Amino acid sequence: MNLDSKKAIRIARAILAGDVDIEAPRRRGYSNIPLFLAGLGTGLALGVLFAPGSGEETRMYLADSARQGLDKAKAKGEEFSRRAQDVVTRGKEAVSESVDAAKQSAKQAYYGEKTNVS
């Protein structure tokens, strides 16, 4: 392909203006999850290889970090559960109040019309 300066400028302008979808060739029918997992594994392996402490210290540090993360996740889960229960309780109360108000309104309308008809 013969690429002169005018053609390169036109291509750059089209890309900057958003007229060209530069992501189009990357779209395929597969997921990027395997690439993510490979990167995660590589990072873990390099982290263990170049850890500043001994193997036992590193294992203890990792175990403590995992326990702390688990405790934080458990606390967040409990907090979320409490909040969700509060929302459900308030929702039930609001529905109950609305149903009671509707019943009262219906009774008033029914008995009010009955007395007006007589």
C-alpha atoms as a PDB file:
ATOM      1  CA  MET A   1       0.000   0.000   0.000  1.00  0.00           C
ATOM      2  CA  ASN A   2       1.373   3.320  -1.038  1.00  0.00           C
ATOM      3  CA  LEU A   3       0.854   5.798   1.823  1.00  0.00           C
ATOM      4  CA  ASP A   4       1.632   9.408   1.016  1.00  0.00           C
ATOM      5  CA  SER A   5       1.409  12.279   3.524  1.00  0.00           C
ATOM      6  CA  LYS A   6      -2.000  13.524   2.315  1.00  0.00           C
ATOM      7  CA  LYS A   7      -3.535  10.093   2.682  1.00  0.00           C
ATOM      8  CA  ALA A   8      -1.990   9.690   6.163  1.00  0.00           C
ATOM      9  CA  ILE A   9      -3.416  13.067   7.212  1.00  0.00           C
ATOM     10  CA  ARG A  10      -6.888  12.104   5.907  1.00  0.00           C
ATOM     11  CA  ILE A  11      -6.742   8.817   7.846  1.00  0.00           C
ATOM     12  CA  ALA A  12      -5.612  10.586  11.041  1.00  0.00           C
ATOM     13  CA  ARG A  13      -8.408  13.177  10.712  1.00  0.00           C
ATOM     14  CA  ALA A  14     -10.998  10.436  10.186  1.00  0.00           C
ATOM     15  CA  ILE A  15      -9.779   8.565  13.263  1.00  0.00           C
ATOM     16  CA  LEU A  16      -9.746  11.705  15.421  1.00  0.00           C
ATOM     17  CA  ALA A  17     -13.198  12.725  14.176  1.00  0.00           C
ATOM     18  CA  GLY A  18     -14.575   9.330  15.138  1.00  0.00           C
ATOM     19  CA  ASP A  19     -15.451   8.326  11.594  1.00  0.00           C
ATOM     20  CA  VAL A  20     -13.312   5.183  11.791  1.00  0.00           C
ATOM     21  CA  ASP A  21     -13.890   2.434  14.308  1.00  0.00           C
ATOM     22  CA  ILE A  22     -10.372   1.380  15.218  1.00  0.00           C
ATOM     23  CA  GLU A  23     -11.706  -1.299  17.594  1.00  0.00           C
ATOM     24  CA  ALA A  24     -13.492  -3.200  14.819  1.00  0.00           C
ATOM     25  CA  PRO A  25     -10.677  -5.683  14.039  1.00  0.00           C
ATOM     26  CA  ARG A  26     -10.488  -6.703  17.715  1.00  0.00           C
ATOM     27  CA  ARG A  27     -14.132  -7.749  17.905  1.00  0.00           C
ATOM     28  CA  ARG A  28     -14.353 -11.488  17.843  1.00  0.00           C
ATOM     29  CA  GLY A  29     -16.621 -14.146  19.214  1.00  0.00           C
ATOM     30  CA  TYR A  30     -14.433 -15.012  22.221  1.00  0.00           C
ATOM     31  CA  SER A  31     -14.048 -13.561  25.675  1.00  0.00           C
ATOM     32  CA  ASN A  32     -11.018 -11.872  27.196  1.00  0.00           C
ATOM     33  CA  ILE A  33     -11.375 -13.908  30.392  1.00  0.00           C
ATOM     34  CA  PRO A  34      -8.597 -16.377  29.494  1.00  0.00           C
ATOM     35  CA  LEU A  35      -6.220 -13.463  28.874  1.00  0.00           C
ATOM     36  CA  PHE A  36      -7.173 -11.912  32.205  1.00  0.00           C
ATOM     37  CA  LEU A  37      -6.628 -15.205  34.035  1.00  0.00           C
ATOM     38  CA  ALA A  38      -3.258 -15.698  32.343  1.00  0.00           C
ATOM     39  CA  GLY A  39      -2.187 -12.208  33.423  1.00  0.00           C
ATOM     40  CA  LEU A  40      -3.428 -12.808  36.941  1.00  0.00           C
ATOM     41  CA  GLY A  41      -1.500 -16.077  37.168  1.00  0.00           C
ATOM     42  CA  THR A  42       1.648 -14.472  35.807  1.00  0.00           C
ATOM     43  CA  GLY A  43       1.359 -11.623  38.302  1.00  0.00           C
ATOM     44  CA  LEU A  44       0.890 -14.015  41.195  1.00  0.00           C
ATOM     45  CA  ALA A  45       3.853 -16.118  40.121  1.00  0.00           C
ATOM     46  CA  LEU A  46       6.121 -13.090  39.773  1.00  0.00           C
ATOM     47  CA  GLY A  47       4.917 -11.724  43.095  1.00  0.00           C
ATOM     48  CA  VAL A  48       5.784 -14.948  44.880  1.00  0.00           C
ATOM     49  CA  LEU A  49       9.158 -15.231  43.131  1.00  0.00           C
ATOM     50  CA  PHE A  50      10.235 -11.704  43.970  1.00  0.00           C
ATOM     51  CA  ALA A  51       8.644 -11.453  47.422  1.00  0.00           C
ATOM     52  CA  PRO A  52      10.887  -9.652  49.921  1.00  0.00           C
ATOM     53  CA  GLY A  53      10.231 -12.140  52.747  1.00  0.00           C
ATOM     54  CA  SER A  54      10.853 -15.822  53.201  1.00  0.00           C
ATOM     55  CA  GLY A  55       8.344 -18.414  52.084  1.00  0.00           C
ATOM     56  CA  GLU A  56       6.828 -18.778  55.536  1.00  0.00           C
ATOM     57  CA  GLU A  57       6.541 -15.001  56.014  1.00  0.00           C
ATOM     58  CA  THR A  58       4.932 -14.650  52.611  1.00  0.00           C
ATOM     59  CA  ARG A  59       2.436 -17.434  53.325  1.00  0.00           C
ATOM     60  CA  MET A  60       1.544 -15.841  56.665  1.00  0.00           C
ATOM     61  CA  TYR A  61       1.147 -12.442  55.009  1.00  0.00           C
ATOM     62  CA  LEU A  62      -1.061 -13.911  52.287  1.00  0.00           C
ATOM     63  CA  ALA A  63      -3.148 -15.827  54.835  1.00  0.00           C
ATOM     64  CA  ASP A  64      -3.605 -12.700  56.985  1.00  0.00           C
ATOM     65  CA  SER A  65      -4.524 -10.633  53.940  1.00  0.00           C
ATOM     66  CA  ALA A  66      -7.031 -13.266  52.845  1.00  0.00           C
ATOM     67  CA  ARG A  67      -8.585 -13.370  56.336  1.00  0.00           C
ATOM     68  CA  GLN A  68      -8.842  -9.588  56.436  1.00  0.00           C
ATOM     69  CA  GLY A  69     -10.424  -9.535  52.992  1.00  0.00           C
ATOM     70  CA  LEU A  70     -12.870 -12.244  54.014  1.00  0.00           C
ATOM     71  CA  ASP A  71     -13.768 -10.360  57.197  1.00  0.00           C
ATOM     72  CA  LYS A  72     -14.355  -7.157  55.206  1.00  0.00           C
ATOM     73  CA  ALA A  73     -16.482  -9.000  52.671  1.00  0.00           C
ATOM     74  CA  LYS A  74     -18.490 -10.634  55.460  1.00  0.00           C
ATOM     75  CA  ALA A  75     -19.051  -7.259  57.153  1.00  0.00           C
ATOM     76  CA  LYS A  76     -20.151  -5.681  53.875  1.00  0.00           C
ATOM     77  CA  GLY A  77     -22.493  -8.610  53.237  1.00  0.00           C
ATOM     78  CA  GLU A  78     -24.048  -8.255  56.677  1.00  0.00           C
ATOM     79  CA  GLU A  79     -24.428  -4.511  56.177  1.00  0.00           C
ATOM     80  CA  PHE A  80     -26.048  -5.076  52.804  1.00  0.00           C
ATOM     81  CA  SER A  81     -28.374  -7.656  54.340  1.00  0.00           C
ATOM     82  CA  ARG A  82     -29.425  -5.233  57.090  1.00  0.00           C
ATOM     83  CA  ARG A  83     -30.047  -2.464  54.576  1.00  0.00           C
ATOM     84  CA  ALA A  84     -32.045  -4.766  52.328  1.00  0.00           C
ATOM     85  CA  GLN A  85     -34.127  -5.942  55.293  1.00  0.00           C
ATOM     86  CA  ASP A  86     -34.795  -2.319  56.273  1.00  0.00           C
ATOM     87  CA  VAL A  87     -35.931  -1.528  52.737  1.00  0.00           C
ATOM     88  CA  VAL A  88     -38.200  -4.570  52.689  1.00  0.00           C
ATOM     89  CA  THR A  89     -39.690  -3.629  56.071  1.00  0.00           C
ATOM     90  CA  ARG A  90     -40.315  -0.031  54.977  1.00  0.00           C
ATOM     91  CA  GLY A  91     -41.834  -1.300  51.739  1.00  0.00           C
ATOM     92  CA  LYS A  92     -44.186  -3.634  53.601  1.00  0.00           C
ATOM     93  CA  GLU A  93     -45.231  -0.809  55.916  1.00  0.00           C
ATOM     94  CA  ALA A  94     -45.867   1.528  52.981  1.00  0.00           C
ATOM     95  CA  VAL A  95     -47.925  -1.110  51.158  1.00  0.00           C
ATOM     96  CA  SER A  96     -49.876  -1.886  54.319  1.00  0.00           C
ATOM     97  CA  GLU A  97     -50.630   1.800  54.869  1.00  0.00           C
ATOM     98  CA  SER A  98     -51.676   2.194  51.236  1.00  0.00           C
ATOM     99  CA  VAL A  99     -53.957  -0.854  51.418  1.00  0.00           C
ATOM    100  CA  ASP A 100     -55.520   0.407  54.665  1.00  0.00           C
ATOM    101  CA  ALA A 101     -56.070   3.843  53.150  1.00  0.00           C
ATOM    102  CA  ALA A 102     -57.602   2.295  50.029  1.00  0.00           C
ATOM    103  CA  LYS A 103     -59.915   0.125  52.143  1.00  0.00           C
ATOM    104  CA  GLN A 104     -60.983   3.120  54.188  1.00  0.00           C
ATOM    105  CA  SER A 105     -61.550   5.181  51.039  1.00  0.00           C
ATOM    106  CA  ALA A 106     -63.557   2.362  49.453  1.00  0.00           C
ATOM    107  CA  LYS A 107     -65.710   1.998  52.591  1.00  0.00           C
ATOM    108  CA  GLN A 108     -66.354   5.708  52.676  1.00  0.00           C
ATOM    109  CA  ALA A 109     -67.228   5.771  48.998  1.00  0.00           C
ATOM    110  CA  TYR A 110     -69.487   2.719  49.305  1.00  0.00           C
ATOM    111  CA  TYR A 111     -71.330   3.798  52.434  1.00  0.00           C
ATOM    112  CA  GLY A 112     -71.364   7.419  51.365  1.00  0.00           C
ATOM    113  CA  GLU A 113     -73.039   6.515  48.076  1.00  0.00           C
ATOM    114  CA  LYS A 114     -75.477   4.222  49.865  1.00  0.00           C
ATOM    115  CA  THR A 115     -76.603   7.013  52.168  1.00  0.00           C
ATOM    116  CA  ASN A 116     -76.807   9.461  49.269  1.00  0.00           C
ATOM    117  CA  VAL A 117     -79.007   7.076  47.263  1.00  0.00           C
ATOM    118  CA  SER A 118     -81.651   6.697  50.017  1.00  0.00           C
END
